[in-house]
């Protein structure tokens, strides 16, 4: 990767290598990914398109930072967000399933959380959906490590979950 044109300067080598392996395996299996991101603001989509030669396994990304965007773009019921909160297991699952339904991807990964503020800084919910399988959920408590560090940790977890769903 050309460091001046990618996220490479801020990502740990282990995350970059895991991303390369994930995308290579996806290409071998003709698998495409979609993302539904809130607190990471599209960082996962950017990372998945940075790897030259295998980025074609990425179909599309939804950056749904607001509650309205989650509803409009992913079909997350407004009542679910009102009842459970935008940062919740239920909303993460709905985001992943919505991204899968609204894309040509085989696997969709969703991230919603409090990167550095909110009720619990560093609380992030992840969900990974694949047709014909149970949607996986993971809850992480990164603590008050800051917005950038939380987002980087989110990249690590996202790649792990997508790899497991392959």
C-alpha atoms as a PDB file:
ATOM      1  CA  UNK A   1       0.000   0.000   0.000  1.00  0.00           C
ATOM      2  CA  UNK A   2       1.134   3.545  -0.679  1.00  0.00           C
ATOM      3  CA  UNK A   3       1.232   5.035   2.824  1.00  0.00           C
ATOM      4  CA  UNK A   4       0.318   8.528   1.648  1.00  0.00           C
ATOM      5  CA  UNK A   5      -2.947   7.345   0.109  1.00  0.00           C
ATOM      6  CA  UNK A   6      -4.202   4.848   2.692  1.00  0.00           C
ATOM      7  CA  UNK A   7      -4.883   4.389   6.397  1.00  0.00           C
ATOM      8  CA  UNK A   8      -1.604   2.483   6.647  1.00  0.00           C
ATOM      9  CA  UNK A   9       0.254   5.105   8.712  1.00  0.00           C
ATOM     10  CA  UNK A  10      -2.255   4.785  11.576  1.00  0.00           C
ATOM     11  CA  UNK A  11      -2.990   1.066  11.498  1.00  0.00           C
ATOM     12  CA  UNK A  12      -0.969  -1.534  13.391  1.00  0.00           C
ATOM     13  CA  UNK A  13       0.764  -4.025  11.094  1.00  0.00           C
ATOM     14  CA  UNK A  14      -1.262  -6.911  12.552  1.00  0.00           C
ATOM     15  CA  UNK A  15      -4.547  -5.297  11.454  1.00  0.00           C
ATOM     16  CA  UNK A  16      -3.216  -4.617   7.970  1.00  0.00           C
ATOM     17  CA  UNK A  17      -2.006  -8.194   7.573  1.00  0.00           C
ATOM     18  CA  UNK A  18      -5.301  -9.610   8.868  1.00  0.00           C
ATOM     19  CA  UNK A  19      -7.157  -7.386   6.392  1.00  0.00           C
ATOM     20  CA  UNK A  20      -5.008  -8.608   3.497  1.00  0.00           C
ATOM     21  CA  UNK A  21      -5.650 -12.253   4.484  1.00  0.00           C
ATOM     22  CA  UNK A  22      -9.390 -11.613   4.840  1.00  0.00           C
ATOM     23  CA  UNK A  23      -9.703  -9.982   1.436  1.00  0.00           C
ATOM     24  CA  UNK A  24      -7.547 -12.621  -0.271  1.00  0.00           C
ATOM     25  CA  UNK A  25      -9.717 -15.413   1.151  1.00  0.00           C
ATOM     26  CA  UNK A  26     -12.846 -13.531   0.131  1.00  0.00           C
ATOM     27  CA  UNK A  27     -11.576 -13.184  -3.434  1.00  0.00           C
ATOM     28  CA  UNK A  28     -10.705 -16.887  -3.596  1.00  0.00           C
ATOM     29  CA  UNK A  29     -14.267 -17.722  -2.496  1.00  0.00           C
ATOM     30  CA  UNK A  30     -15.964 -14.991  -4.556  1.00  0.00           C
ATOM     31  CA  UNK A  31     -17.343 -13.354  -1.391  1.00  0.00           C
ATOM     32  CA  UNK A  32     -18.266  -9.672  -1.222  1.00  0.00           C
ATOM     33  CA  UNK A  33     -18.538  -7.464   1.872  1.00  0.00           C
ATOM     34  CA  UNK A  34     -20.711  -4.542   2.920  1.00  0.00           C
ATOM     35  CA  UNK A  35     -20.307  -2.340   5.968  1.00  0.00           C
ATOM     36  CA  UNK A  36     -22.740  -0.365   8.111  1.00  0.00           C
ATOM     37  CA  UNK A  37     -20.792   2.079  10.259  1.00  0.00           C
ATOM     38  CA  UNK A  38     -21.694   4.635  12.851  1.00  0.00           C
ATOM     39  CA  UNK A  39     -18.913   5.570  15.295  1.00  0.00           C
ATOM     40  CA  UNK A  40     -16.183   4.589  12.810  1.00  0.00           C
ATOM     41  CA  UNK A  41     -17.509   6.960  10.155  1.00  0.00           C
ATOM     42  CA  UNK A  42     -16.554   4.831   7.151  1.00  0.00           C
ATOM     43  CA  UNK A  43     -13.081   3.880   8.356  1.00  0.00           C
ATOM     44  CA  UNK A  44     -13.740   0.156   7.861  1.00  0.00           C
ATOM     45  CA  UNK A  45     -14.942   0.703   4.298  1.00  0.00           C
ATOM     46  CA  UNK A  46     -11.843   2.764   3.612  1.00  0.00           C
ATOM     47  CA  UNK A  47      -9.560   0.112   5.063  1.00  0.00           C
ATOM     48  CA  UNK A  48     -11.206  -2.645   3.009  1.00  0.00           C
ATOM     49  CA  UNK A  49     -10.691  -0.679  -0.207  1.00  0.00           C
ATOM     50  CA  UNK A  50      -7.047   0.193   0.544  1.00  0.00           C
ATOM     51  CA  UNK A  51      -5.645  -3.242  -0.295  1.00  0.00           C
ATOM     52  CA  UNK A  52      -4.632  -3.196  -3.921  1.00  0.00           C
ATOM     53  CA  UNK A  53      -5.564  -6.232  -5.991  1.00  0.00           C
ATOM     54  CA  UNK A  54      -8.251  -7.612  -3.662  1.00  0.00           C
ATOM     55  CA  UNK A  55     -10.393  -4.571  -2.860  1.00  0.00           C
ATOM     56  CA  UNK A  56     -12.962  -5.726  -5.436  1.00  0.00           C
ATOM     57  CA  UNK A  57     -14.352  -8.032  -2.733  1.00  0.00           C
ATOM     58  CA  UNK A  58     -15.893  -4.899  -1.172  1.00  0.00           C
ATOM     59  CA  UNK A  59     -19.397  -4.127  -2.451  1.00  0.00           C
ATOM     60  CA  UNK A  60     -20.493  -1.022  -0.540  1.00  0.00           C
ATOM     61  CA  UNK A  61     -20.524   0.832   2.732  1.00  0.00           C
ATOM     62  CA  UNK A  62     -23.221   2.676   4.628  1.00  0.00           C
ATOM     63  CA  UNK A  63     -22.107   5.463   6.968  1.00  0.00           C
ATOM     64  CA  UNK A  64     -25.118   5.862   9.222  1.00  0.00           C
ATOM     65  CA  UNK A  65     -23.994   8.174  11.981  1.00  0.00           C
ATOM     66  CA  UNK A  66     -27.442   9.599  12.730  1.00  0.00           C
ATOM     67  CA  UNK A  67     -30.487   7.681  13.877  1.00  0.00           C
ATOM     68  CA  UNK A  68     -32.359   8.904  10.778  1.00  0.00           C
ATOM     69  CA  UNK A  69     -29.635   7.464   8.529  1.00  0.00           C
ATOM     70  CA  UNK A  70     -29.878   4.089  10.276  1.00  0.00           C
ATOM     71  CA  UNK A  71     -33.606   4.108   9.572  1.00  0.00           C
ATOM     72  CA  UNK A  72     -33.498   5.546   6.037  1.00  0.00           C
ATOM     73  CA  UNK A  73     -30.517   3.631   4.637  1.00  0.00           C
ATOM     74  CA  UNK A  74     -30.590   0.368   6.568  1.00  0.00           C
ATOM     75  CA  UNK A  75     -34.248   0.000   7.507  1.00  0.00           C
ATOM     76  CA  UNK A  76     -33.609  -0.054  11.246  1.00  0.00           C
ATOM     77  CA  UNK A  77     -37.005   0.612  12.841  1.00  0.00           C
ATOM     78  CA  UNK A  78     -37.135   3.999  14.560  1.00  0.00           C
ATOM     79  CA  UNK A  79     -39.093   2.359  17.385  1.00  0.00           C
ATOM     80  CA  UNK A  80     -36.204  -0.074  17.973  1.00  0.00           C
ATOM     81  CA  UNK A  81     -33.733   2.792  18.238  1.00  0.00           C
ATOM     82  CA  UNK A  82     -36.085   4.669  20.588  1.00  0.00           C
ATOM     83  CA  UNK A  83     -36.561   1.608  22.786  1.00  0.00           C
ATOM     84  CA  UNK A  84     -33.049   0.123  22.846  1.00  0.00           C
ATOM     85  CA  UNK A  85     -30.852   3.080  21.913  1.00  0.00           C
ATOM     86  CA  UNK A  86     -28.679   3.531  18.838  1.00  0.00           C
ATOM     87  CA  UNK A  87     -25.776   1.902  20.681  1.00  0.00           C
ATOM     88  CA  UNK A  88     -27.230  -1.512  21.444  1.00  0.00           C
ATOM     89  CA  UNK A  89     -27.032  -5.163  20.479  1.00  0.00           C
ATOM     90  CA  UNK A  90     -30.426  -5.002  18.807  1.00  0.00           C
ATOM     91  CA  UNK A  91     -29.581  -2.008  16.640  1.00  0.00           C
ATOM     92  CA  UNK A  92     -26.211  -3.471  15.619  1.00  0.00           C
ATOM     93  CA  UNK A  93     -27.957  -6.673  14.502  1.00  0.00           C
ATOM     94  CA  UNK A  94     -30.575  -4.693  12.555  1.00  0.00           C
ATOM     95  CA  UNK A  95     -27.839  -2.592  10.924  1.00  0.00           C
ATOM     96  CA  UNK A  96     -25.910  -5.666   9.730  1.00  0.00           C
ATOM     97  CA  UNK A  97     -29.026  -7.383   8.440  1.00  0.00           C
ATOM     98  CA  UNK A  98     -30.157  -4.168   6.738  1.00  0.00           C
ATOM     99  CA  UNK A  99     -26.791  -3.728   5.016  1.00  0.00           C
ATOM    100  CA  UNK A 100     -26.895  -7.318   3.814  1.00  0.00           C
ATOM    101  CA  UNK A 101     -30.430  -6.878   2.450  1.00  0.00           C
ATOM    102  CA  UNK A 102     -29.588  -3.577   0.735  1.00  0.00           C
ATOM    103  CA  UNK A 103     -26.406  -4.700  -0.993  1.00  0.00           C
ATOM    104  CA  UNK A 104     -25.012  -7.385  -3.254  1.00  0.00           C
ATOM    105  CA  UNK A 105     -22.692  -8.525  -0.470  1.00  0.00           C
ATOM    106  CA  UNK A 106     -22.512 -11.996   1.042  1.00  0.00           C
ATOM    107  CA  UNK A 107     -21.344 -10.698   4.427  1.00  0.00           C
ATOM    108  CA  UNK A 108     -22.184  -7.423   6.175  1.00  0.00           C
ATOM    109  CA  UNK A 109     -20.476  -6.005   9.257  1.00  0.00           C
ATOM    110  CA  UNK A 110     -22.083  -3.309  11.429  1.00  0.00           C
ATOM    111  CA  UNK A 111     -20.495  -1.090  14.070  1.00  0.00           C
ATOM    112  CA  UNK A 112     -22.294   1.240  16.477  1.00  0.00           C
ATOM    113  CA  UNK A 113     -20.852   2.684  19.653  1.00  0.00           C
ATOM    114  CA  UNK A 114     -19.530   5.515  21.748  1.00  0.00           C
ATOM    115  CA  UNK A 115     -16.049   6.253  20.418  1.00  0.00           C
ATOM    116  CA  UNK A 116     -15.125   8.794  23.083  1.00  0.00           C
ATOM    117  CA  UNK A 117     -18.258  10.135  24.733  1.00  0.00           C
ATOM    118  CA  UNK A 118     -21.799   9.124  25.519  1.00  0.00           C
ATOM    119  CA  UNK A 119     -23.097   7.001  28.342  1.00  0.00           C
ATOM    120  CA  UNK A 120     -20.091   4.700  28.332  1.00  0.00           C
ATOM    121  CA  UNK A 121     -16.999   5.809  26.361  1.00  0.00           C
ATOM    122  CA  UNK A 122     -15.518   2.915  24.411  1.00  0.00           C
ATOM    123  CA  UNK A 123     -18.703   0.796  24.382  1.00  0.00           C
ATOM    124  CA  UNK A 124     -19.122  -0.633  20.889  1.00  0.00           C
ATOM    125  CA  UNK A 125     -21.546  -3.189  19.482  1.00  0.00           C
ATOM    126  CA  UNK A 126     -20.608  -5.197  16.391  1.00  0.00           C
ATOM    127  CA  UNK A 127     -22.794  -7.465  14.276  1.00  0.00           C
ATOM    128  CA  UNK A 128     -21.892  -9.629  11.302  1.00  0.00           C
ATOM    129  CA  UNK A 129     -24.572 -11.043   8.996  1.00  0.00           C
ATOM    130  CA  UNK A 130     -24.415 -13.688   6.290  1.00  0.00           C
ATOM    131  CA  UNK A 131     -27.365 -15.196   4.448  1.00  0.00           C
ATOM    132  CA  UNK A 132     -28.303 -18.577   5.827  1.00  0.00           C
ATOM    133  CA  UNK A 133     -26.442 -18.097   9.101  1.00  0.00           C
ATOM    134  CA  UNK A 134     -27.232 -16.627  12.484  1.00  0.00           C
ATOM    135  CA  UNK A 135     -26.106 -13.012  12.730  1.00  0.00           C
ATOM    136  CA  UNK A 136     -23.170 -12.779  15.131  1.00  0.00           C
ATOM    137  CA  UNK A 137     -22.913 -10.101  17.813  1.00  0.00           C
ATOM    138  CA  UNK A 138     -19.994  -8.897  19.870  1.00  0.00           C
ATOM    139  CA  UNK A 139     -19.905  -6.231  22.566  1.00  0.00           C
ATOM    140  CA  UNK A 140     -16.623  -4.539  23.411  1.00  0.00           C
ATOM    141  CA  UNK A 141     -15.707  -2.167  26.222  1.00  0.00           C
ATOM    142  CA  UNK A 142     -12.542  -0.369  25.118  1.00  0.00           C
ATOM    143  CA  UNK A 143     -12.790   2.215  27.878  1.00  0.00           C
ATOM    144  CA  UNK A 144     -11.880   5.909  27.636  1.00  0.00           C
ATOM    145  CA  UNK A 145      -8.894   5.358  25.301  1.00  0.00           C
ATOM    146  CA  UNK A 146      -9.932   8.153  22.922  1.00  0.00           C
ATOM    147  CA  UNK A 147     -11.721   8.377  19.604  1.00  0.00           C
ATOM    148  CA  UNK A 148      -8.827   7.374  17.371  1.00  0.00           C
ATOM    149  CA  UNK A 149      -7.715   4.430  19.499  1.00  0.00           C
ATOM    150  CA  UNK A 150     -11.292   3.178  19.777  1.00  0.00           C
ATOM    151  CA  UNK A 151     -11.727   3.306  16.008  1.00  0.00           C
ATOM    152  CA  UNK A 152      -8.509   1.368  15.467  1.00  0.00           C
ATOM    153  CA  UNK A 153      -9.639  -1.297  17.934  1.00  0.00           C
ATOM    154  CA  UNK A 154     -12.918  -1.444  16.025  1.00  0.00           C
ATOM    155  CA  UNK A 155     -10.982  -2.291  12.858  1.00  0.00           C
ATOM    156  CA  UNK A 156      -9.331  -5.231  14.636  1.00  0.00           C
ATOM    157  CA  UNK A 157     -12.639  -6.621  15.913  1.00  0.00           C
ATOM    158  CA  UNK A 158     -14.403  -6.088  12.579  1.00  0.00           C
ATOM    159  CA  UNK A 159     -11.762  -7.995  10.627  1.00  0.00           C
ATOM    160  CA  UNK A 160     -11.844 -10.820  13.193  1.00  0.00           C
ATOM    161  CA  UNK A 161     -15.624 -11.136  12.936  1.00  0.00           C
ATOM    162  CA  UNK A 162     -15.641 -11.002   9.126  1.00  0.00           C
ATOM    163  CA  UNK A 163     -12.927 -13.645   8.991  1.00  0.00           C
ATOM    164  CA  UNK A 164     -14.931 -15.899  11.313  1.00  0.00           C
ATOM    165  CA  UNK A 165     -18.027 -15.443   9.125  1.00  0.00           C
ATOM    166  CA  UNK A 166     -16.134 -16.529   5.979  1.00  0.00           C
END
